[in-house]
């Protein structure tokens, strides 16, 4: 068995041990094989599993030491910095998370995964403009590497930009990006947000189709999706079906919060008195 096959076999053995909660045994296997490869892609995966083992047994300090010992090693190319960023992000240390996300991207400016996770972090702390800047710079670097706009490798960047535009209430830009991605990617999973965009721009039939696709993908136990579906049905005149969808949304969530902005779609239900018959209805206006 050659060296790489042996390493991969040992990593699989460690994963199997982890699946059976044998974290100490898994860690010992991983620690033994980690330095046997100079491939940082594989080494980073091994390190990530080692960190998971330490966290699983409640040893976050040891997990942090693993990162500190390796983050400055030559050849890491941002991968250990990225692991450190994710670690501190999950631990709630935003200052260190920011530091390592930034380092990871400086070292590997075309890594789409690094850019997206950094933008998600920035989105969580409401720094939407900076998040857009991170994604845009990564796109520019990717284009220098001859990635085109329709490349599935850069599509996640466009999806994250669409999310941020949606959060900033730039619904038209968000809609265009989501719509473009949905025509290119058979695994597109953001039909719920696309449906909300369509509603805003009065493309009701498109909104209905989009939210039905979301429900087909994820099932009918999503309260927000049922609420969106109810709004689509109501504004298109399917009031009985809309009432059922809104009742389901209320049952799933425990209540149905309706804002003034939602009433542009629910006017017919309000006129007929059906809206107030929805259990646990909360009017927020």
C-alpha atoms as a PDB file:
ATOM      1  CA  UNK A   1       0.000   0.000   0.000  1.00  0.00           C
ATOM      2  CA  UNK A   2       1.498   3.374  -0.983  1.00  0.00           C
ATOM      3  CA  UNK A   3       1.855   6.198   1.520  1.00  0.00           C
ATOM      4  CA  UNK A   4      -1.198   8.252   0.480  1.00  0.00           C
ATOM      5  CA  UNK A   5      -3.502   5.222   0.458  1.00  0.00           C
ATOM      6  CA  UNK A   6      -2.254   4.303   3.933  1.00  0.00           C
ATOM      7  CA  UNK A   7      -2.954   7.839   5.214  1.00  0.00           C
ATOM      8  CA  UNK A   8      -6.452   7.899   3.738  1.00  0.00           C
ATOM      9  CA  UNK A   9      -7.151   4.465   5.221  1.00  0.00           C
ATOM     10  CA  UNK A  10      -6.050   5.672   8.651  1.00  0.00           C
ATOM     11  CA  UNK A  11      -8.204   8.802   8.391  1.00  0.00           C
ATOM     12  CA  UNK A  12     -11.184   6.580   7.557  1.00  0.00           C
ATOM     13  CA  UNK A  13     -10.395   4.465  10.613  1.00  0.00           C
ATOM     14  CA  UNK A  14     -10.363   7.628  12.733  1.00  0.00           C
ATOM     15  CA  UNK A  15     -13.707   8.768  11.318  1.00  0.00           C
ATOM     16  CA  UNK A  16     -15.212   5.374  12.082  1.00  0.00           C
ATOM     17  CA  UNK A  17     -13.940   5.629  15.668  1.00  0.00           C
ATOM     18  CA  UNK A  18     -15.521   9.083  15.957  1.00  0.00           C
ATOM     19  CA  UNK A  19     -18.842   7.707  14.732  1.00  0.00           C
ATOM     20  CA  UNK A  20     -18.739   5.329  17.700  1.00  0.00           C
ATOM     21  CA  UNK A  21     -17.782   8.131  20.137  1.00  0.00           C
ATOM     22  CA  UNK A  22     -14.234   6.784  20.525  1.00  0.00           C
ATOM     23  CA  UNK A  23     -12.715  10.243  20.282  1.00  0.00           C
ATOM     24  CA  UNK A  24      -9.475   9.547  22.158  1.00  0.00           C
ATOM     25  CA  UNK A  25      -8.690   6.580  19.907  1.00  0.00           C
ATOM     26  CA  UNK A  26      -9.537   8.647  16.825  1.00  0.00           C
ATOM     27  CA  UNK A  27      -7.348  11.520  18.007  1.00  0.00           C
ATOM     28  CA  UNK A  28      -4.385   9.220  18.568  1.00  0.00           C
ATOM     29  CA  UNK A  29      -4.703   7.816  15.039  1.00  0.00           C
ATOM     30  CA  UNK A  30      -4.899  11.308  13.539  1.00  0.00           C
ATOM     31  CA  UNK A  31      -2.006  12.675  15.593  1.00  0.00           C
ATOM     32  CA  UNK A  32       0.169   9.809  14.374  1.00  0.00           C
ATOM     33  CA  UNK A  33      -0.555  10.359  10.653  1.00  0.00           C
ATOM     34  CA  UNK A  34      -0.815  14.171  10.564  1.00  0.00           C
ATOM     35  CA  UNK A  35       2.890  14.848  10.034  1.00  0.00           C
ATOM     36  CA  UNK A  36       3.282  12.008   7.538  1.00  0.00           C
ATOM     37  CA  UNK A  37       2.003  14.177   4.680  1.00  0.00           C
ATOM     38  CA  UNK A  38       3.199  17.451   3.188  1.00  0.00           C
ATOM     39  CA  UNK A  39      -0.134  17.888   1.386  1.00  0.00           C
ATOM     40  CA  UNK A  40      -1.765  20.756   3.283  1.00  0.00           C
ATOM     41  CA  UNK A  41      -5.189  20.028   1.826  1.00  0.00           C
ATOM     42  CA  UNK A  42      -5.117  16.601   3.498  1.00  0.00           C
ATOM     43  CA  UNK A  43      -3.292  17.853   6.563  1.00  0.00           C
ATOM     44  CA  UNK A  44      -5.918  20.545   7.172  1.00  0.00           C
ATOM     45  CA  UNK A  45      -8.660  17.911   6.993  1.00  0.00           C
ATOM     46  CA  UNK A  46      -6.799  15.803   9.545  1.00  0.00           C
ATOM     47  CA  UNK A  47      -6.344  18.836  11.801  1.00  0.00           C
ATOM     48  CA  UNK A  48     -10.050  19.646  11.531  1.00  0.00           C
ATOM     49  CA  UNK A  49     -10.915  16.126  12.707  1.00  0.00           C
ATOM     50  CA  UNK A  50      -8.408  16.400  15.562  1.00  0.00           C
ATOM     51  CA  UNK A  51     -10.090  19.626  16.702  1.00  0.00           C
ATOM     52  CA  UNK A  52     -13.514  17.957  16.551  1.00  0.00           C
ATOM     53  CA  UNK A  53     -12.196  15.139  18.742  1.00  0.00           C
ATOM     54  CA  UNK A  54     -10.946  17.587  21.368  1.00  0.00           C
ATOM     55  CA  UNK A  55     -14.171  19.598  21.339  1.00  0.00           C
ATOM     56  CA  UNK A  56     -16.236  16.401  21.605  1.00  0.00           C
ATOM     57  CA  UNK A  57     -14.583  15.604  24.938  1.00  0.00           C
ATOM     58  CA  UNK A  58     -14.924  19.195  26.163  1.00  0.00           C
ATOM     59  CA  UNK A  59     -11.286  20.151  25.707  1.00  0.00           C
ATOM     60  CA  UNK A  60     -11.504  23.471  23.871  1.00  0.00           C
ATOM     61  CA  UNK A  61      -8.141  24.632  25.267  1.00  0.00           C
ATOM     62  CA  UNK A  62      -6.351  21.671  23.682  1.00  0.00           C
ATOM     63  CA  UNK A  63      -8.190  22.348  20.407  1.00  0.00           C
ATOM     64  CA  UNK A  64      -6.981  25.942  20.495  1.00  0.00           C
ATOM     65  CA  UNK A  65      -3.395  24.825  21.161  1.00  0.00           C
ATOM     66  CA  UNK A  66      -3.533  22.582  18.088  1.00  0.00           C
ATOM     67  CA  UNK A  67      -4.316  25.634  15.996  1.00  0.00           C
ATOM     68  CA  UNK A  68      -1.711  27.872  17.636  1.00  0.00           C
ATOM     69  CA  UNK A  69       1.020  25.309  17.042  1.00  0.00           C
ATOM     70  CA  UNK A  70       0.219  24.973  13.341  1.00  0.00           C
ATOM     71  CA  UNK A  71      -1.076  28.326  12.120  1.00  0.00           C
ATOM     72  CA  UNK A  72       2.415  29.715  11.379  1.00  0.00           C
ATOM     73  CA  UNK A  73       3.761  26.586   9.697  1.00  0.00           C
ATOM     74  CA  UNK A  74       5.075  27.159   6.151  1.00  0.00           C
ATOM     75  CA  UNK A  75       2.877  25.815   3.376  1.00  0.00           C
ATOM     76  CA  UNK A  76      -0.428  26.110   5.232  1.00  0.00           C
ATOM     77  CA  UNK A  77      -1.661  28.579   2.568  1.00  0.00           C
ATOM     78  CA  UNK A  78      -4.448  29.950   4.721  1.00  0.00           C
ATOM     79  CA  UNK A  79      -6.074  26.600   5.494  1.00  0.00           C
ATOM     80  CA  UNK A  80      -5.106  26.556   9.177  1.00  0.00           C
ATOM     81  CA  UNK A  81      -6.056  30.240   9.454  1.00  0.00           C
ATOM     82  CA  UNK A  82      -9.470  29.308   8.089  1.00  0.00           C
ATOM     83  CA  UNK A  83      -9.854  26.531  10.659  1.00  0.00           C
ATOM     84  CA  UNK A  84      -8.804  28.983  13.380  1.00  0.00           C
ATOM     85  CA  UNK A  85     -11.362  31.506  12.123  1.00  0.00           C
ATOM     86  CA  UNK A  86     -14.151  28.920  12.201  1.00  0.00           C
ATOM     87  CA  UNK A  87     -13.060  27.781  15.667  1.00  0.00           C
ATOM     88  CA  UNK A  88     -13.092  31.300  17.160  1.00  0.00           C
ATOM     89  CA  UNK A  89     -16.302  32.148  15.285  1.00  0.00           C
ATOM     90  CA  UNK A  90     -18.055  29.170  16.875  1.00  0.00           C
ATOM     91  CA  UNK A  91     -16.560  29.997  20.275  1.00  0.00           C
ATOM     92  CA  UNK A  92     -17.916  33.560  20.047  1.00  0.00           C
ATOM     93  CA  UNK A  93     -14.493  35.244  19.966  1.00  0.00           C
ATOM     94  CA  UNK A  94     -15.302  37.600  17.102  1.00  0.00           C
ATOM     95  CA  UNK A  95     -12.096  39.622  17.320  1.00  0.00           C
ATOM     96  CA  UNK A  96      -9.884  36.576  16.727  1.00  0.00           C
ATOM     97  CA  UNK A  97     -12.328  35.128  14.193  1.00  0.00           C
ATOM     98  CA  UNK A  98     -12.120  38.349  12.168  1.00  0.00           C
ATOM     99  CA  UNK A  99      -8.309  38.298  12.350  1.00  0.00           C
ATOM    100  CA  UNK A 100      -8.002  34.749  11.031  1.00  0.00           C
ATOM    101  CA  UNK A 101     -10.695  35.062   8.352  1.00  0.00           C
ATOM    102  CA  UNK A 102      -8.819  38.073   7.008  1.00  0.00           C
ATOM    103  CA  UNK A 103      -5.475  36.250   7.123  1.00  0.00           C
ATOM    104  CA  UNK A 104      -6.934  33.234   5.329  1.00  0.00           C
ATOM    105  CA  UNK A 105      -8.208  35.375   2.464  1.00  0.00           C
ATOM    106  CA  UNK A 106      -4.994  37.363   2.167  1.00  0.00           C
ATOM    107  CA  UNK A 107      -3.101  34.086   1.815  1.00  0.00           C
ATOM    108  CA  UNK A 108      -5.653  32.500  -0.536  1.00  0.00           C
ATOM    109  CA  UNK A 109      -7.620  35.275  -2.249  1.00  0.00           C
ATOM    110  CA  UNK A 110      -9.466  32.996  -4.720  1.00  0.00           C
ATOM    111  CA  UNK A 111     -10.751  30.498  -2.152  1.00  0.00           C
ATOM    112  CA  UNK A 112     -14.531  30.767  -2.481  1.00  0.00           C
ATOM    113  CA  UNK A 113     -15.165  28.862   0.757  1.00  0.00           C
ATOM    114  CA  UNK A 114     -12.997  31.278   2.764  1.00  0.00           C
ATOM    115  CA  UNK A 115     -14.749  34.315   1.259  1.00  0.00           C
ATOM    116  CA  UNK A 116     -18.252  32.980   1.851  1.00  0.00           C
ATOM    117  CA  UNK A 117     -17.631  32.037   5.484  1.00  0.00           C
ATOM    118  CA  UNK A 118     -16.031  35.425   6.147  1.00  0.00           C
ATOM    119  CA  UNK A 119     -19.026  37.169   4.567  1.00  0.00           C
ATOM    120  CA  UNK A 120     -21.439  35.077   6.679  1.00  0.00           C
ATOM    121  CA  UNK A 121     -19.473  36.147   9.753  1.00  0.00           C
ATOM    122  CA  UNK A 122     -19.676  39.817   8.681  1.00  0.00           C
ATOM    123  CA  UNK A 123     -23.381  39.419   7.936  1.00  0.00           C
ATOM    124  CA  UNK A 124     -23.947  38.103  11.471  1.00  0.00           C
ATOM    125  CA  UNK A 125     -22.386  41.261  12.935  1.00  0.00           C
ATOM    126  CA  UNK A 126     -24.414  43.443  10.518  1.00  0.00           C
ATOM    127  CA  UNK A 127     -21.423  44.585   8.443  1.00  0.00           C
ATOM    128  CA  UNK A 128     -23.208  44.103   5.152  1.00  0.00           C
ATOM    129  CA  UNK A 129     -21.108  46.508   3.089  1.00  0.00           C
ATOM    130  CA  UNK A 130     -17.876  44.861   4.190  1.00  0.00           C
ATOM    131  CA  UNK A 131     -19.333  41.445   3.438  1.00  0.00           C
ATOM    132  CA  UNK A 132     -20.167  42.588  -0.092  1.00  0.00           C
ATOM    133  CA  UNK A 133     -16.630  43.929  -0.438  1.00  0.00           C
ATOM    134  CA  UNK A 134     -15.112  40.581   0.560  1.00  0.00           C
ATOM    135  CA  UNK A 135     -17.235  38.706  -1.976  1.00  0.00           C
ATOM    136  CA  UNK A 136     -16.651  41.225  -4.747  1.00  0.00           C
ATOM    137  CA  UNK A 137     -12.876  41.113  -4.289  1.00  0.00           C
ATOM    138  CA  UNK A 138     -12.946  37.319  -4.403  1.00  0.00           C
ATOM    139  CA  UNK A 139     -14.997  37.450  -7.611  1.00  0.00           C
ATOM    140  CA  UNK A 140     -12.476  39.819  -9.179  1.00  0.00           C
ATOM    141  CA  UNK A 141      -9.625  37.486  -8.251  1.00  0.00           C
ATOM    142  CA  UNK A 142     -11.548  34.498  -9.611  1.00  0.00           C
ATOM    143  CA  UNK A 143     -12.169  36.299 -12.904  1.00  0.00           C
ATOM    144  CA  UNK A 144      -8.428  36.859 -13.217  1.00  0.00           C
ATOM    145  CA  UNK A 145      -8.191  33.084 -13.039  1.00  0.00           C
ATOM    146  CA  UNK A 146     -10.619  32.807 -15.977  1.00  0.00           C
ATOM    147  CA  UNK A 147     -13.711  31.774 -14.011  1.00  0.00           C
ATOM    148  CA  UNK A 148     -16.746  33.021 -15.925  1.00  0.00           C
ATOM    149  CA  UNK A 149     -20.005  34.307 -14.447  1.00  0.00           C
ATOM    150  CA  UNK A 150     -21.785  31.020 -15.054  1.00  0.00           C
ATOM    151  CA  UNK A 151     -19.115  28.843 -13.458  1.00  0.00           C
ATOM    152  CA  UNK A 152     -20.490  26.612 -10.708  1.00  0.00           C
ATOM    153  CA  UNK A 153     -17.275  27.304  -8.801  1.00  0.00           C
ATOM    154  CA  UNK A 154     -18.158  30.984  -8.352  1.00  0.00           C
ATOM    155  CA  UNK A 155     -21.948  30.537  -8.150  1.00  0.00           C
ATOM    156  CA  UNK A 156     -21.858  30.321  -4.308  1.00  0.00           C
ATOM    157  CA  UNK A 157     -20.351  33.825  -4.281  1.00  0.00           C
ATOM    158  CA  UNK A 158     -23.304  35.168  -6.237  1.00  0.00           C
ATOM    159  CA  UNK A 159     -25.706  33.371  -3.896  1.00  0.00           C
ATOM    160  CA  UNK A 160     -24.117  34.960  -0.841  1.00  0.00           C
ATOM    161  CA  UNK A 161     -24.237  38.389  -2.538  1.00  0.00           C
ATOM    162  CA  UNK A 162     -27.941  37.785  -3.213  1.00  0.00           C
ATOM    163  CA  UNK A 163     -28.515  36.967   0.479  1.00  0.00           C
ATOM    164  CA  UNK A 164     -26.804  40.195   1.540  1.00  0.00           C
ATOM    165  CA  UNK A 165     -28.764  42.260  -0.971  1.00  0.00           C
ATOM    166  CA  UNK A 166     -31.949  40.683   0.388  1.00  0.00           C
ATOM    167  CA  UNK A 167     -30.887  41.564   3.961  1.00  0.00           C
ATOM    168  CA  UNK A 168     -30.261  45.157   2.828  1.00  0.00           C
ATOM    169  CA  UNK A 169     -33.739  45.244   1.195  1.00  0.00           C
ATOM    170  CA  UNK A 170     -32.195  45.528  -2.280  1.00  0.00           C
ATOM    171  CA  UNK A 171     -34.780  43.085  -3.549  1.00  0.00           C
ATOM    172  CA  UNK A 172     -34.382  43.718  -7.267  1.00  0.00           C
ATOM    173  CA  UNK A 173     -30.646  42.941  -7.227  1.00  0.00           C
ATOM    174  CA  UNK A 174     -31.316  39.922  -5.042  1.00  0.00           C
ATOM    175  CA  UNK A 175     -34.041  38.681  -7.384  1.00  0.00           C
ATOM    176  CA  UNK A 176     -31.844  38.982 -10.490  1.00  0.00           C
ATOM    177  CA  UNK A 177     -29.030  37.001  -8.870  1.00  0.00           C
ATOM    178  CA  UNK A 178     -31.292  34.293  -7.449  1.00  0.00           C
ATOM    179  CA  UNK A 179     -33.170  34.028 -10.737  1.00  0.00           C
ATOM    180  CA  UNK A 180     -29.956  33.689 -12.729  1.00  0.00           C
ATOM    181  CA  UNK A 181     -28.617  30.980 -10.403  1.00  0.00           C
ATOM    182  CA  UNK A 182     -31.871  29.007 -10.496  1.00  0.00           C
ATOM    183  CA  UNK A 183     -31.572  28.611 -14.276  1.00  0.00           C
ATOM    184  CA  UNK A 184     -27.987  27.335 -14.074  1.00  0.00           C
ATOM    185  CA  UNK A 185     -27.908  25.114 -11.022  1.00  0.00           C
ATOM    186  CA  UNK A 186     -30.149  22.071 -10.651  1.00  0.00           C
ATOM    187  CA  UNK A 187     -29.400  22.053  -6.901  1.00  0.00           C
ATOM    188  CA  UNK A 188     -30.608  25.625  -6.326  1.00  0.00           C
ATOM    189  CA  UNK A 189     -32.162  25.778  -2.841  1.00  0.00           C
ATOM    190  CA  UNK A 190     -33.238  29.392  -2.337  1.00  0.00           C
ATOM    191  CA  UNK A 191     -36.670  29.331  -3.938  1.00  0.00           C
ATOM    192  CA  UNK A 192     -38.238  30.723  -0.747  1.00  0.00           C
ATOM    193  CA  UNK A 193     -36.286  33.975  -0.965  1.00  0.00           C
ATOM    194  CA  UNK A 194     -36.814  34.140  -4.712  1.00  0.00           C
ATOM    195  CA  UNK A 195     -40.559  33.796  -4.071  1.00  0.00           C
ATOM    196  CA  UNK A 196     -40.466  36.745  -1.637  1.00  0.00           C
ATOM    197  CA  UNK A 197     -38.692  38.839  -4.269  1.00  0.00           C
ATOM    198  CA  UNK A 198     -41.287  37.898  -6.888  1.00  0.00           C
ATOM    199  CA  UNK A 199     -44.079  38.905  -4.493  1.00  0.00           C
ATOM    200  CA  UNK A 200     -42.572  42.336  -3.984  1.00  0.00           C
ATOM    201  CA  UNK A 201     -42.463  42.920  -7.742  1.00  0.00           C
ATOM    202  CA  UNK A 202     -46.000  41.553  -8.248  1.00  0.00           C
ATOM    203  CA  UNK A 203     -44.865  38.498 -10.193  1.00  0.00           C
ATOM    204  CA  UNK A 204     -47.422  36.430  -8.330  1.00  0.00           C
ATOM    205  CA  UNK A 205     -47.543  33.362 -10.562  1.00  0.00           C
ATOM    206  CA  UNK A 206     -43.743  33.142 -10.461  1.00  0.00           C
ATOM    207  CA  UNK A 207     -43.816  33.549  -6.691  1.00  0.00           C
ATOM    208  CA  UNK A 208     -46.315  30.714  -6.362  1.00  0.00           C
ATOM    209  CA  UNK A 209     -44.220  28.412  -8.541  1.00  0.00           C
ATOM    210  CA  UNK A 210     -41.044  29.269  -6.632  1.00  0.00           C
ATOM    211  CA  UNK A 211     -42.488  28.655  -3.165  1.00  0.00           C
ATOM    212  CA  UNK A 212     -44.072  25.395  -4.352  1.00  0.00           C
ATOM    213  CA  UNK A 213     -40.625  24.278  -5.516  1.00  0.00           C
ATOM    214  CA  UNK A 214     -39.223  25.167  -2.085  1.00  0.00           C
ATOM    215  CA  UNK A 215     -41.944  23.122  -0.381  1.00  0.00           C
ATOM    216  CA  UNK A 216     -41.300  20.202  -2.752  1.00  0.00           C
ATOM    217  CA  UNK A 217     -37.610  20.323  -1.803  1.00  0.00           C
ATOM    218  CA  UNK A 218     -37.890  20.777   1.950  1.00  0.00           C
ATOM    219  CA  UNK A 219     -41.346  19.528   2.895  1.00  0.00           C
ATOM    220  CA  UNK A 220     -44.383  21.394   4.241  1.00  0.00           C
ATOM    221  CA  UNK A 221     -43.234  21.932   7.842  1.00  0.00           C
ATOM    222  CA  UNK A 222     -41.553  25.300   7.241  1.00  0.00           C
ATOM    223  CA  UNK A 223     -43.734  28.009   8.808  1.00  0.00           C
ATOM    224  CA  UNK A 224     -42.164  30.855   6.811  1.00  0.00           C
ATOM    225  CA  UNK A 225     -42.655  28.968   3.554  1.00  0.00           C
ATOM    226  CA  UNK A 226     -46.294  28.257   4.394  1.00  0.00           C
ATOM    227  CA  UNK A 227     -46.798  31.941   5.200  1.00  0.00           C
ATOM    228  CA  UNK A 228     -45.255  32.940   1.861  1.00  0.00           C
ATOM    229  CA  UNK A 229     -47.406  30.333   0.104  1.00  0.00           C
ATOM    230  CA  UNK A 230     -50.496  31.712   1.826  1.00  0.00           C
ATOM    231  CA  UNK A 231     -49.673  35.232   0.665  1.00  0.00           C
ATOM    232  CA  UNK A 232     -49.200  34.019  -2.916  1.00  0.00           C
ATOM    233  CA  UNK A 233     -52.495  32.138  -2.914  1.00  0.00           C
ATOM    234  CA  UNK A 234     -54.383  35.004  -1.314  1.00  0.00           C
ATOM    235  CA  UNK A 235     -53.227  37.704  -3.709  1.00  0.00           C
ATOM    236  CA  UNK A 236     -54.062  35.414  -6.645  1.00  0.00           C
ATOM    237  CA  UNK A 237     -57.621  34.918  -5.332  1.00  0.00           C
ATOM    238  CA  UNK A 238     -57.286  31.371  -3.965  1.00  0.00           C
ATOM    239  CA  UNK A 239     -58.627  32.399  -0.573  1.00  0.00           C
ATOM    240  CA  UNK A 240     -59.659  28.965   0.739  1.00  0.00           C
ATOM    241  CA  UNK A 241     -56.246  27.487  -0.069  1.00  0.00           C
ATOM    242  CA  UNK A 242     -54.560  30.593   1.367  1.00  0.00           C
ATOM    243  CA  UNK A 243     -56.493  30.221   4.633  1.00  0.00           C
ATOM    244  CA  UNK A 244     -55.334  26.584   4.949  1.00  0.00           C
ATOM    245  CA  UNK A 245     -51.691  27.523   4.313  1.00  0.00           C
ATOM    246  CA  UNK A 246     -51.786  30.341   6.875  1.00  0.00           C
ATOM    247  CA  UNK A 247     -53.417  28.083   9.460  1.00  0.00           C
ATOM    248  CA  UNK A 248     -50.656  25.565   8.878  1.00  0.00           C
ATOM    249  CA  UNK A 249     -48.009  28.284   9.304  1.00  0.00           C
ATOM    250  CA  UNK A 250     -49.611  29.285  12.600  1.00  0.00           C
ATOM    251  CA  UNK A 251     -49.775  25.660  13.795  1.00  0.00           C
ATOM    252  CA  UNK A 252     -46.099  25.038  12.987  1.00  0.00           C
ATOM    253  CA  UNK A 253     -44.844  28.245  14.610  1.00  0.00           C
ATOM    254  CA  UNK A 254     -47.356  28.489  17.453  1.00  0.00           C
ATOM    255  CA  UNK A 255     -48.591  31.849  16.166  1.00  0.00           C
ATOM    256  CA  UNK A 256     -48.852  33.855  12.953  1.00  0.00           C
ATOM    257  CA  UNK A 257     -47.286  37.312  13.015  1.00  0.00           C
ATOM    258  CA  UNK A 258     -48.729  39.565  10.310  1.00  0.00           C
ATOM    259  CA  UNK A 259     -47.137  42.930   9.584  1.00  0.00           C
ATOM    260  CA  UNK A 260     -48.654  45.897   7.799  1.00  0.00           C
ATOM    261  CA  UNK A 261     -46.502  45.135   4.734  1.00  0.00           C
ATOM    262  CA  UNK A 262     -48.079  41.662   4.498  1.00  0.00           C
ATOM    263  CA  UNK A 263     -51.561  43.124   4.148  1.00  0.00           C
ATOM    264  CA  UNK A 264     -51.021  44.048   0.506  1.00  0.00           C
ATOM    265  CA  UNK A 265     -51.326  40.309  -0.166  1.00  0.00           C
ATOM    266  CA  UNK A 266     -53.948  39.418   2.448  1.00  0.00           C
ATOM    267  CA  UNK A 267     -56.557  42.066   1.722  1.00  0.00           C
ATOM    268  CA  UNK A 268     -59.199  39.633   0.453  1.00  0.00           C
ATOM    269  CA  UNK A 269     -58.886  37.469   3.568  1.00  0.00           C
ATOM    270  CA  UNK A 270     -59.283  40.540   5.748  1.00  0.00           C
ATOM    271  CA  UNK A 271     -62.379  41.678   3.832  1.00  0.00           C
ATOM    272  CA  UNK A 272     -64.035  38.274   4.161  1.00  0.00           C
ATOM    273  CA  UNK A 273     -63.188  38.021   7.857  1.00  0.00           C
ATOM    274  CA  UNK A 274     -61.208  34.821   7.287  1.00  0.00           C
ATOM    275  CA  UNK A 275     -57.932  36.333   8.402  1.00  0.00           C
ATOM    276  CA  UNK A 276     -59.119  36.860  11.975  1.00  0.00           C
ATOM    277  CA  UNK A 277     -60.254  33.235  12.166  1.00  0.00           C
ATOM    278  CA  UNK A 278     -56.669  32.011  11.916  1.00  0.00           C
ATOM    279  CA  UNK A 279     -55.640  30.565  15.311  1.00  0.00           C
ATOM    280  CA  UNK A 280     -53.080  32.559  17.298  1.00  0.00           C
ATOM    281  CA  UNK A 281     -53.071  35.440  14.833  1.00  0.00           C
ATOM    282  CA  UNK A 282     -50.915  38.392  15.916  1.00  0.00           C
ATOM    283  CA  UNK A 283     -51.398  41.664  13.997  1.00  0.00           C
ATOM    284  CA  UNK A 284     -48.239  43.764  14.340  1.00  0.00           C
ATOM    285  CA  UNK A 285     -49.771  47.069  13.226  1.00  0.00           C
END
